[in-house]
Amino acid sequence: MPTKVFILTPMSSEEPSAEVIAQIGEALSGGQKIEAIKLYREATGKDLRSAKDFIETLGSKLYEQDPEKYAALANSGKGCPLAMIVFCAAVFAIAALAHLILFQHAPS
């Protein structure tokens, strides 16, 4: 599938056009929240926090309207806690193994 390239010029703190909203919707349906924030910021010139808030609100509304199309939004951000648990378990296992190796008592 060909890659789409969108060239946007900042519109100095105005709300995005319908075309930009459609591009943002496409990005969100593909689970590309960061790309959606980038599109919004380029179109409006707003700061990161405002853009993130707008995209999260828009994403929630889009998901309510069409949960199947925007299913990627429901799953975003849920991988981090599991990854942290796995990481901590791995660190603990390595530390326990190192402790056994380093502090193994020689037979008397």
Protein backbone atom coordinates (compact mmCIF):
# COMPACT_ATOMS: atom_id res chain seq x y z
CA MET A 1 0.00 0.00 0.00
CA PRO A 2 1.49 3.39 -0.95
CA THR A 3 2.61 5.68 1.83
CA LYS A 4 0.59 8.84 2.23
CA VAL A 5 2.50 12.05 2.78
CA PHE A 6 0.68 15.02 4.24
CA ILE A 7 2.24 18.44 4.11
CA LEU A 8 0.69 20.82 6.59
CA THR A 9 1.48 24.39 7.40
CA PRO A 10 0.75 25.74 10.87
CA MET A 11 -2.49 27.72 11.03
CA SER A 12 -1.55 29.61 14.21
CA SER A 13 -3.76 28.24 16.99
CA GLU A 14 -6.87 27.71 14.86
CA GLU A 15 -8.93 24.58 15.04
CA PRO A 16 -7.91 22.01 12.42
CA SER A 17 -9.75 21.76 9.14
CA ALA A 18 -12.06 18.86 8.32
CA GLU A 19 -9.29 17.43 6.13
CA VAL A 20 -6.82 17.44 9.02
CA ILE A 21 -9.42 15.89 11.33
CA ALA A 22 -9.88 13.11 8.75
CA GLN A 23 -6.10 12.54 8.64
CA ILE A 24 -6.03 12.44 12.44
CA GLY A 25 -8.89 9.94 12.38
CA GLU A 26 -6.95 7.72 9.98
CA ALA A 27 -3.91 7.85 12.23
CA LEU A 28 -5.99 6.99 15.29
CA SER A 29 -7.72 4.09 13.56
CA GLY A 30 -4.26 2.66 12.92
CA GLY A 31 -3.26 3.11 16.55
CA GLN A 32 -0.83 5.93 15.72
CA LYS A 33 -1.66 8.36 18.53
CA ILE A 34 1.72 10.12 18.35
CA GLU A 35 1.25 10.75 14.62
CA ALA A 36 -2.23 12.13 15.34
CA ILE A 37 -0.79 14.52 17.95
CA LYS A 38 1.89 15.60 15.48
CA LEU A 39 -0.71 16.30 12.77
CA TYR A 40 -2.80 18.33 15.19
CA ARG A 41 0.18 20.37 16.40
CA GLU A 42 1.36 21.09 12.85
CA ALA A 43 -2.11 22.21 11.83
CA THR A 44 -2.85 24.37 14.86
CA GLY A 45 0.48 25.39 16.35
CA LYS A 46 -0.76 24.34 19.80
CA ASP A 47 1.50 23.04 22.55
CA LEU A 48 2.04 19.35 23.25
CA ARG A 49 -0.27 19.19 26.28
CA SER A 50 -3.19 20.82 24.42
CA ALA A 51 -2.64 18.55 21.43
CA LYS A 52 -2.50 15.42 23.61
CA ASP A 53 -5.71 16.43 25.41
CA PHE A 54 -7.49 17.12 22.10
CA ILE A 55 -6.39 13.80 20.57
CA GLU A 56 -7.38 11.80 23.64
CA THR A 57 -10.82 13.45 23.71
CA LEU A 58 -11.28 12.95 19.98
CA GLY A 59 -10.07 9.36 20.24
CA SER A 60 -12.61 8.60 22.98
CA LYS A 61 -15.43 10.05 20.89
CA LEU A 62 -14.35 8.17 17.78
CA TYR A 63 -14.10 4.91 19.74
CA GLU A 64 -17.62 5.42 21.13
CA GLN A 65 -18.94 5.99 17.59
CA ASP A 66 -17.13 3.05 15.96
CA PRO A 67 -15.43 0.69 18.46
CA GLU A 68 -14.46 -1.79 15.75
CA LYS A 69 -12.65 0.76 13.57
CA TYR A 70 -10.89 2.40 16.51
CA ALA A 71 -10.16 -0.78 18.49
CA ALA A 72 -6.46 0.11 18.55
CA LEU A 73 -7.32 3.05 20.83
CA ALA A 74 -8.84 0.77 23.45
CA ASN A 75 -5.61 -1.23 23.68
CA SER A 76 -3.16 1.67 23.69
CA GLY A 77 -1.14 2.12 26.86
CA LYS A 78 -2.04 -1.26 28.36
CA GLY A 79 1.28 -2.93 27.58
CA CYS A 80 3.45 -0.85 29.90
CA PRO A 81 2.38 -2.36 33.26
CA LEU A 82 2.85 -5.89 31.96
CA ALA A 83 6.25 -4.99 30.50
CA MET A 84 7.28 -3.49 33.85
CA ILE A 85 6.24 -6.64 35.72
CA VAL A 86 8.19 -8.86 33.32
CA PHE A 87 11.21 -6.56 33.56
CA CYS A 88 11.14 -6.55 37.38
CA ALA A 89 10.80 -10.34 37.47
CA ALA A 90 13.80 -10.69 35.15
CA VAL A 91 15.91 -8.32 37.27
CA PHE A 92 14.95 -10.22 40.42
CA ALA A 93 15.86 -13.55 38.82
CA ILE A 94 19.24 -12.22 37.67
CA ALA A 95 19.95 -10.74 41.12
CA ALA A 96 19.04 -14.02 42.82
CA LEU A 97 21.29 -15.98 40.45
CA ALA A 98 24.17 -13.53 40.98
CA HIS A 99 23.72 -13.84 44.74
CA LEU A 100 23.95 -17.64 44.53
CA ILE A 101 27.05 -17.50 42.38
CA LEU A 102 28.87 -14.77 44.31
CA PHE A 103 28.02 -15.84 47.85
CA GLN A 104 28.08 -19.59 47.47
CA HIS A 105 29.77 -21.03 50.52
CA ALA A 106 32.64 -23.42 49.98
CA PRO A 107 32.13 -26.82 51.61
CA SER A 108 33.78 -27.10 55.03
